[in-house]
Amino acid sequence: MKKLNLFLAIAITASAFTSCIGSKEAYDKSKLSGFVATQTKQIIRDAAEGSTPGVDMGKLVQETSAEVKALDDKMNQVNAEIKRLESKIASTEKVEKEAKAEFERSNITSVFFALSSATLTEAAMQELYRWKLALERSNSQYNYSIVIYASADRTGSSKTNDILRAKRADSVKSFLVKLGCNASNIQVITSQPPYNAVENIDRRAVVGISVK
């Protein structure tokens, strides 16, 4: 690198002096001291002849080219390693995303209500208990929240169904809290999805999780 810097410095100096001293007359009129003038002339001659005293220009060019090639090879290696790591990260992220999705799919259940009712049946309470027990046994390290989706069938008015869905969600949430779930970690959604052809299917609350 020192040799390269020397070569560049000599080239730049020669170019600068050549541009400043365009002719012998201009040079003779310059106010440089005799010593500096002599050194300048020597630099100009060396530059014109394509050589510098004490420096093998051919060898310098070869060494410089070798250094540049070595740097290029190293950079190619670094770029290849970066691509490999990026590919590995992308693959890991894909696997992680699929694992989270599978964890969510594996921990979902539904409980059903009687017509116009928001009271949990014994079967519904048993199902919620089974669901919570299975979730705890999964030993997942994921940070997740519990989500309750409450629905109502089309037999009631829009206002009546709004109230009914909220009550059904509250019944499920209250029971889960009694089972030990953190109330602040339970999200309730009562917006009505499209109605099903079979009305009693809509008289339900779906309980699942959402990985954060």
C-alpha atoms as a PDB file:
ATOM      1  CA  MET A   1       0.000   0.000   0.000  1.00  0.00           C
ATOM      2  CA  LYS A   2       2.903   2.373   0.756  1.00  0.00           C
ATOM      3  CA  LYS A   3       4.306   1.680  -2.737  1.00  0.00           C
ATOM      4  CA  LEU A   4       0.925   2.422  -4.263  1.00  0.00           C
ATOM      5  CA  ASN A   5       0.657   5.689  -2.351  1.00  0.00           C
ATOM      6  CA  LEU A   6       4.194   6.636  -3.481  1.00  0.00           C
ATOM      7  CA  PHE A   7       3.322   5.894  -7.085  1.00  0.00           C
ATOM      8  CA  LEU A   8       0.122   7.967  -6.894  1.00  0.00           C
ATOM      9  CA  ALA A   9       1.902  10.838  -5.158  1.00  0.00           C
ATOM     10  CA  ILE A  10       4.620  10.955  -7.828  1.00  0.00           C
ATOM     11  CA  ALA A  11       2.065  10.837 -10.633  1.00  0.00           C
ATOM     12  CA  ILE A  12      -0.057  13.603  -9.099  1.00  0.00           C
ATOM     13  CA  THR A  13       2.986  15.787  -8.392  1.00  0.00           C
ATOM     14  CA  ALA A  14       4.283  15.384 -11.936  1.00  0.00           C
ATOM     15  CA  SER A  15       0.868  16.194 -13.371  1.00  0.00           C
ATOM     16  CA  ALA A  16       0.550  19.295 -11.196  1.00  0.00           C
ATOM     17  CA  PHE A  17       3.962  20.651 -12.145  1.00  0.00           C
ATOM     18  CA  THR A  18       3.414  19.885 -15.823  1.00  0.00           C
ATOM     19  CA  SER A  19       0.170  21.852 -15.826  1.00  0.00           C
ATOM     20  CA  CYS A  20       1.805  24.780 -14.038  1.00  0.00           C
ATOM     21  CA  ILE A  21       4.910  24.852 -16.222  1.00  0.00           C
ATOM     22  CA  GLY A  22       3.580  24.709 -19.750  1.00  0.00           C
ATOM     23  CA  SER A  23       6.754  25.861 -21.512  1.00  0.00           C
ATOM     24  CA  LYS A  24      10.442  26.524 -21.002  1.00  0.00           C
ATOM     25  CA  GLU A  25       9.746  30.262 -20.972  1.00  0.00           C
ATOM     26  CA  ALA A  26       7.189  29.850 -18.205  1.00  0.00           C
ATOM     27  CA  TYR A  27       9.598  27.713 -16.276  1.00  0.00           C
ATOM     28  CA  ASP A  28      12.482  30.225 -16.658  1.00  0.00           C
ATOM     29  CA  LYS A  29      10.220  32.960 -15.360  1.00  0.00           C
ATOM     30  CA  SER A  30       9.217  30.970 -12.306  1.00  0.00           C
ATOM     31  CA  LYS A  31      10.504  32.121  -8.925  1.00  0.00           C
ATOM     32  CA  LEU A  32      11.477  28.698  -7.693  1.00  0.00           C
ATOM     33  CA  SER A  33      14.844  28.388  -6.050  1.00  0.00           C
ATOM     34  CA  GLY A  34      17.592  26.635  -7.951  1.00  0.00           C
ATOM     35  CA  PHE A  35      17.295  23.522  -5.806  1.00  0.00           C
ATOM     36  CA  VAL A  36      13.533  23.235  -6.154  1.00  0.00           C
ATOM     37  CA  ALA A  37      13.780  23.973  -9.866  1.00  0.00           C
ATOM     38  CA  THR A  38      16.330  21.196 -10.300  1.00  0.00           C
ATOM     39  CA  GLN A  39      14.167  18.748  -8.373  1.00  0.00           C
ATOM     40  CA  THR A  40      11.100  19.768 -10.378  1.00  0.00           C
ATOM     41  CA  LYS A  41      12.921  19.234 -13.667  1.00  0.00           C
ATOM     42  CA  GLN A  42      13.993  15.804 -12.504  1.00  0.00           C
ATOM     43  CA  ILE A  43      10.427  14.885 -11.558  1.00  0.00           C
ATOM     44  CA  ILE A  44       9.162  16.071 -14.940  1.00  0.00           C
ATOM     45  CA  ARG A  45      11.843  14.097 -16.791  1.00  0.00           C
ATOM     46  CA  ASP A  46      11.148  10.997 -14.721  1.00  0.00           C
ATOM     47  CA  ALA A  47       7.431  11.324 -15.370  1.00  0.00           C
ATOM     48  CA  ALA A  48       8.030  11.799 -19.094  1.00  0.00           C
ATOM     49  CA  GLU A  49      10.289   8.784 -19.218  1.00  0.00           C
ATOM     50  CA  GLY A  50       7.722   6.789 -17.247  1.00  0.00           C
ATOM     51  CA  SER A  51      10.056   5.928 -14.396  1.00  0.00           C
ATOM     52  CA  THR A  52      11.038   7.073 -10.940  1.00  0.00           C
ATOM     53  CA  PRO A  53      14.555   6.721  -9.502  1.00  0.00           C
ATOM     54  CA  GLY A  54      14.903   3.695  -7.321  1.00  0.00           C
ATOM     55  CA  VAL A  55      11.487   2.293  -8.291  1.00  0.00           C
ATOM     56  CA  ASP A  56      10.951  -0.624 -10.658  1.00  0.00           C
ATOM     57  CA  MET A  57       7.707   0.521 -12.264  1.00  0.00           C
ATOM     58  CA  GLY A  58       6.933  -2.846 -13.832  1.00  0.00           C
ATOM     59  CA  LYS A  59       7.380  -4.603 -10.529  1.00  0.00           C
ATOM     60  CA  LEU A  60       5.350  -1.941  -8.726  1.00  0.00           C
ATOM     61  CA  VAL A  61       2.460  -2.347 -11.166  1.00  0.00           C
ATOM     62  CA  GLN A  62       2.558  -6.140 -10.799  1.00  0.00           C
ATOM     63  CA  GLU A  63       2.623  -5.923  -7.001  1.00  0.00           C
ATOM     64  CA  THR A  64      -0.192  -3.371  -6.998  1.00  0.00           C
ATOM     65  CA  SER A  65      -2.270  -5.519  -9.340  1.00  0.00           C
ATOM     66  CA  ALA A  66      -1.672  -8.534  -7.101  1.00  0.00           C
ATOM     67  CA  GLU A  67      -2.799  -6.563  -4.052  1.00  0.00           C
ATOM     68  CA  VAL A  68      -5.931  -5.370  -5.822  1.00  0.00           C
ATOM     69  CA  LYS A  69      -6.743  -8.915  -6.966  1.00  0.00           C
ATOM     70  CA  ALA A  70      -6.243 -10.198  -3.422  1.00  0.00           C
ATOM     71  CA  LEU A  71      -8.648  -7.544  -2.141  1.00  0.00           C
ATOM     72  CA  ASP A  72     -11.177  -8.437  -4.838  1.00  0.00           C
ATOM     73  CA  ASP A  73     -10.923 -12.127  -3.963  1.00  0.00           C
ATOM     74  CA  LYS A  74     -11.405 -11.323  -0.294  1.00  0.00           C
ATOM     75  CA  MET A  75     -14.418  -9.154  -1.063  1.00  0.00           C
ATOM     76  CA  ASN A  76     -15.928 -11.939  -3.181  1.00  0.00           C
ATOM     77  CA  GLN A  77     -15.478 -14.329  -0.277  1.00  0.00           C
ATOM     78  CA  VAL A  78     -17.134 -11.874   2.103  1.00  0.00           C
ATOM     79  CA  ASN A  79     -20.062 -11.337  -0.280  1.00  0.00           C
ATOM     80  CA  ALA A  80     -20.494 -15.093  -0.689  1.00  0.00           C
ATOM     81  CA  GLU A  81     -20.553 -15.538   3.095  1.00  0.00           C
ATOM     82  CA  ILE A  82     -23.090 -12.729   3.466  1.00  0.00           C
ATOM     83  CA  LYS A  83     -25.375 -14.377   0.897  1.00  0.00           C
ATOM     84  CA  ARG A  84     -25.042 -17.731   2.680  1.00  0.00           C
ATOM     85  CA  LEU A  85     -25.963 -16.177   6.035  1.00  0.00           C
ATOM     86  CA  GLU A  86     -28.874 -14.243   4.530  1.00  0.00           C
ATOM     87  CA  SER A  87     -30.201 -17.455   2.987  1.00  0.00           C
ATOM     88  CA  LYS A  88     -29.865 -19.257   6.315  1.00  0.00           C
ATOM     89  CA  ILE A  89     -31.659 -16.453   8.157  1.00  0.00           C
ATOM     90  CA  ALA A  90     -34.477 -16.436   5.597  1.00  0.00           C
ATOM     91  CA  SER A  91     -34.851 -20.207   5.946  1.00  0.00           C
ATOM     92  CA  THR A  92     -34.874 -19.978   9.746  1.00  0.00           C
ATOM     93  CA  GLU A  93     -37.465 -17.204   9.693  1.00  0.00           C
ATOM     94  CA  LYS A  94     -39.680 -19.284   7.387  1.00  0.00           C
ATOM     95  CA  VAL A  95     -39.498 -22.298   9.697  1.00  0.00           C
ATOM     96  CA  GLU A  96     -40.204 -20.102  12.712  1.00  0.00           C
ATOM     97  CA  LYS A  97     -43.204 -18.519  11.012  1.00  0.00           C
ATOM     98  CA  GLU A  98     -44.613 -21.941  10.103  1.00  0.00           C
ATOM     99  CA  ALA A  99     -44.047 -23.208  13.645  1.00  0.00           C
ATOM    100  CA  LYS A 100     -45.935 -20.234  15.108  1.00  0.00           C
ATOM    101  CA  ALA A 101     -48.810 -20.747  12.687  1.00  0.00           C
ATOM    102  CA  GLU A 102     -48.994 -24.443  13.607  1.00  0.00           C
ATOM    103  CA  PHE A 103     -48.965 -23.580  17.313  1.00  0.00           C
ATOM    104  CA  GLU A 104     -51.922 -21.256  16.765  1.00  0.00           C
ATOM    105  CA  ARG A 105     -53.828 -23.855  14.709  1.00  0.00           C
ATOM    106  CA  SER A 106     -53.237 -26.500  17.358  1.00  0.00           C
ATOM    107  CA  ASN A 107     -54.735 -24.400  20.144  1.00  0.00           C
ATOM    108  CA  ILE A 108     -58.192 -23.423  19.021  1.00  0.00           C
ATOM    109  CA  THR A 109     -61.630 -24.584  20.144  1.00  0.00           C
ATOM    110  CA  SER A 110     -65.306 -23.606  20.055  1.00  0.00           C
ATOM    111  CA  VAL A 111     -68.061 -23.596  22.661  1.00  0.00           C
ATOM    112  CA  PHE A 112     -71.766 -23.347  21.807  1.00  0.00           C
ATOM    113  CA  PHE A 113     -74.691 -21.556  23.431  1.00  0.00           C
ATOM    114  CA  ALA A 114     -78.420 -22.079  23.485  1.00  0.00           C
ATOM    115  CA  LEU A 115     -80.650 -19.799  21.433  1.00  0.00           C
ATOM    116  CA  SER A 116     -80.421 -16.194  22.705  1.00  0.00           C
ATOM    117  CA  SER A 117     -78.320 -17.380  25.669  1.00  0.00           C
ATOM    118  CA  ALA A 118     -74.919 -16.288  26.943  1.00  0.00           C
ATOM    119  CA  THR A 119     -74.714 -18.889  29.710  1.00  0.00           C
ATOM    120  CA  LEU A 120     -71.972 -21.483  29.471  1.00  0.00           C
ATOM    121  CA  THR A 121     -73.233 -25.041  29.451  1.00  0.00           C
ATOM    122  CA  GLU A 122     -71.479 -27.760  31.406  1.00  0.00           C
ATOM    123  CA  ALA A 123     -70.120 -29.151  28.143  1.00  0.00           C
ATOM    124  CA  ALA A 124     -68.768 -25.707  27.245  1.00  0.00           C
ATOM    125  CA  MET A 125     -67.014 -25.345  30.598  1.00  0.00           C
ATOM    126  CA  GLN A 126     -65.465 -28.794  30.242  1.00  0.00           C
ATOM    127  CA  GLU A 127     -64.221 -27.921  26.758  1.00  0.00           C
ATOM    128  CA  LEU A 128     -62.656 -24.652  27.954  1.00  0.00           C
ATOM    129  CA  TYR A 129     -60.960 -26.485  30.808  1.00  0.00           C
ATOM    130  CA  ARG A 130     -59.612 -29.126  28.395  1.00  0.00           C
ATOM    131  CA  TRP A 131     -58.402 -26.402  26.026  1.00  0.00           C
ATOM    132  CA  LYS A 132     -56.547 -24.487  28.748  1.00  0.00           C
ATOM    133  CA  LEU A 133     -54.953 -27.678  30.085  1.00  0.00           C
ATOM    134  CA  ALA A 134     -53.722 -28.644  26.607  1.00  0.00           C
ATOM    135  CA  LEU A 135     -52.331 -25.136  26.069  1.00  0.00           C
ATOM    136  CA  GLU A 136     -50.391 -25.303  29.329  1.00  0.00           C
ATOM    137  CA  ARG A 137     -49.011 -28.742  28.465  1.00  0.00           C
ATOM    138  CA  SER A 138     -47.685 -27.507  25.129  1.00  0.00           C
ATOM    139  CA  ASN A 139     -44.742 -25.963  27.019  1.00  0.00           C
ATOM    140  CA  SER A 140     -44.401 -23.319  24.344  1.00  0.00           C
ATOM    141  CA  GLN A 141     -41.865 -20.541  24.744  1.00  0.00           C
ATOM    142  CA  TYR A 142     -43.951 -18.256  22.543  1.00  0.00           C
ATOM    143  CA  ASN A 143     -45.390 -15.058  23.920  1.00  0.00           C
ATOM    144  CA  TYR A 144     -49.075 -15.153  23.034  1.00  0.00           C
ATOM    145  CA  SER A 145     -52.462 -13.692  23.880  1.00  0.00           C
ATOM    146  CA  ILE A 146     -55.826 -15.455  24.108  1.00  0.00           C
ATOM    147  CA  VAL A 147     -58.442 -14.339  21.595  1.00  0.00           C
ATOM    148  CA  ILE A 148     -62.207 -14.868  21.932  1.00  0.00           C
ATOM    149  CA  TYR A 149     -64.376 -14.518  18.814  1.00  0.00           C
ATOM    150  CA  ALA A 150     -68.051 -14.352  19.778  1.00  0.00           C
ATOM    151  CA  SER A 151     -70.882 -14.890  17.285  1.00  0.00           C
ATOM    152  CA  ALA A 152     -74.662 -14.871  17.154  1.00  0.00           C
ATOM    153  CA  ASP A 153     -77.140 -16.251  14.608  1.00  0.00           C
ATOM    154  CA  ARG A 154     -79.344 -14.136  12.361  1.00  0.00           C
ATOM    155  CA  THR A 155     -82.552 -14.610  14.370  1.00  0.00           C
ATOM    156  CA  GLY A 156     -82.031 -11.515  16.499  1.00  0.00           C
ATOM    157  CA  SER A 157     -81.895  -7.871  15.514  1.00  0.00           C
ATOM    158  CA  SER A 158     -78.572  -6.182  14.897  1.00  0.00           C
ATOM    159  CA  LYS A 159     -78.692  -4.394  18.282  1.00  0.00           C
ATOM    160  CA  THR A 160     -79.761  -7.557  20.125  1.00  0.00           C
ATOM    161  CA  ASN A 161     -76.984  -9.583  18.531  1.00  0.00           C
ATOM    162  CA  ASP A 162     -74.384  -6.951  19.398  1.00  0.00           C
ATOM    163  CA  ILE A 163     -75.340  -7.273  23.060  1.00  0.00           C
ATOM    164  CA  LEU A 164     -75.538 -11.069  22.875  1.00  0.00           C
ATOM    165  CA  ARG A 165     -72.086 -11.433  21.345  1.00  0.00           C
ATOM    166  CA  ALA A 166     -70.575  -9.201  24.017  1.00  0.00           C
ATOM    167  CA  LYS A 167     -72.247 -11.237  26.784  1.00  0.00           C
ATOM    168  CA  ARG A 168     -71.085 -14.547  25.300  1.00  0.00           C
ATOM    169  CA  ALA A 169     -67.514 -13.274  25.040  1.00  0.00           C
ATOM    170  CA  ASP A 170     -67.689 -12.027  28.634  1.00  0.00           C
ATOM    171  CA  SER A 171     -68.958 -15.405  29.864  1.00  0.00           C
ATOM    172  CA  VAL A 172     -66.040 -17.195  28.218  1.00  0.00           C
ATOM    173  CA  LYS A 173     -63.504 -14.645  29.448  1.00  0.00           C
ATOM    174  CA  SER A 174     -64.787 -14.760  33.029  1.00  0.00           C
ATOM    175  CA  PHE A 175     -64.568 -18.546  33.092  1.00  0.00           C
ATOM    176  CA  LEU A 176     -61.019 -18.527  31.668  1.00  0.00           C
ATOM    177  CA  VAL A 177     -59.977 -16.033  34.342  1.00  0.00           C
ATOM    178  CA  LYS A 178     -61.402 -18.402  36.975  1.00  0.00           C
ATOM    179  CA  LEU A 179     -59.237 -21.127  35.442  1.00  0.00           C
ATOM    180  CA  GLY A 180     -56.161 -18.934  35.962  1.00  0.00           C
ATOM    181  CA  CYS A 181     -55.822 -17.000  32.721  1.00  0.00           C
ATOM    182  CA  ASN A 182     -54.655 -13.394  32.934  1.00  0.00           C
ATOM    183  CA  ALA A 183     -57.577 -11.099  32.085  1.00  0.00           C
ATOM    184  CA  SER A 184     -55.252  -8.475  30.598  1.00  0.00           C
ATOM    185  CA  ASN A 185     -53.942 -11.098  28.170  1.00  0.00           C
ATOM    186  CA  ILE A 186     -57.388 -11.908  26.771  1.00  0.00           C
ATOM    187  CA  GLN A 187     -58.624 -10.120  23.644  1.00  0.00           C
ATOM    188  CA  VAL A 188     -62.313 -10.059  22.756  1.00  0.00           C
ATOM    189  CA  ILE A 189     -63.638  -9.706  19.201  1.00  0.00           C
ATOM    190  CA  THR A 190     -67.374  -9.366  18.721  1.00  0.00           C
ATOM    191  CA  SER A 191     -67.628  -8.234  15.095  1.00  0.00           C
ATOM    192  CA  GLN A 192     -70.021 -10.599  13.345  1.00  0.00           C
ATOM    193  CA  PRO A 193     -68.483 -12.771  10.602  1.00  0.00           C
ATOM    194  CA  PRO A 194     -70.670 -13.951   7.702  1.00  0.00           C
ATOM    195  CA  TYR A 195     -73.618 -16.074   8.858  1.00  0.00           C
ATOM    196  CA  ASN A 196     -73.515 -19.821   8.338  1.00  0.00           C
ATOM    197  CA  ALA A 197     -76.254 -21.732   6.590  1.00  0.00           C
ATOM    198  CA  VAL A 198     -76.930 -23.673   9.796  1.00  0.00           C
ATOM    199  CA  GLU A 199     -77.906 -21.083  12.415  1.00  0.00           C
ATOM    200  CA  ASN A 200     -76.868 -22.996  15.526  1.00  0.00           C
ATOM    201  CA  ILE A 201     -73.268 -22.946  14.320  1.00  0.00           C
ATOM    202  CA  ASP A 202     -73.289 -19.163  14.811  1.00  0.00           C
ATOM    203  CA  ARG A 203     -74.356 -19.505  18.455  1.00  0.00           C
ATOM    204  CA  ARG A 204     -70.797 -19.951  19.565  1.00  0.00           C
ATOM    205  CA  ALA A 205     -67.545 -18.462  20.778  1.00  0.00           C
ATOM    206  CA  VAL A 206     -64.269 -19.504  19.203  1.00  0.00           C
ATOM    207  CA  VAL A 207     -61.270 -19.432  21.514  1.00  0.00           C
ATOM    208  CA  GLY A 208     -57.737 -19.348  20.179  1.00  0.00           C
ATOM    209  CA  ILE A 209     -54.354 -17.743  20.610  1.00  0.00           C
ATOM    210  CA  SER A 210     -52.338 -15.181  18.752  1.00  0.00           C
ATOM    211  CA  VAL A 211     -48.542 -15.378  18.934  1.00  0.00           C
ATOM    212  CA  LYS A 212     -47.059 -11.928  19.535  1.00  0.00           C
END
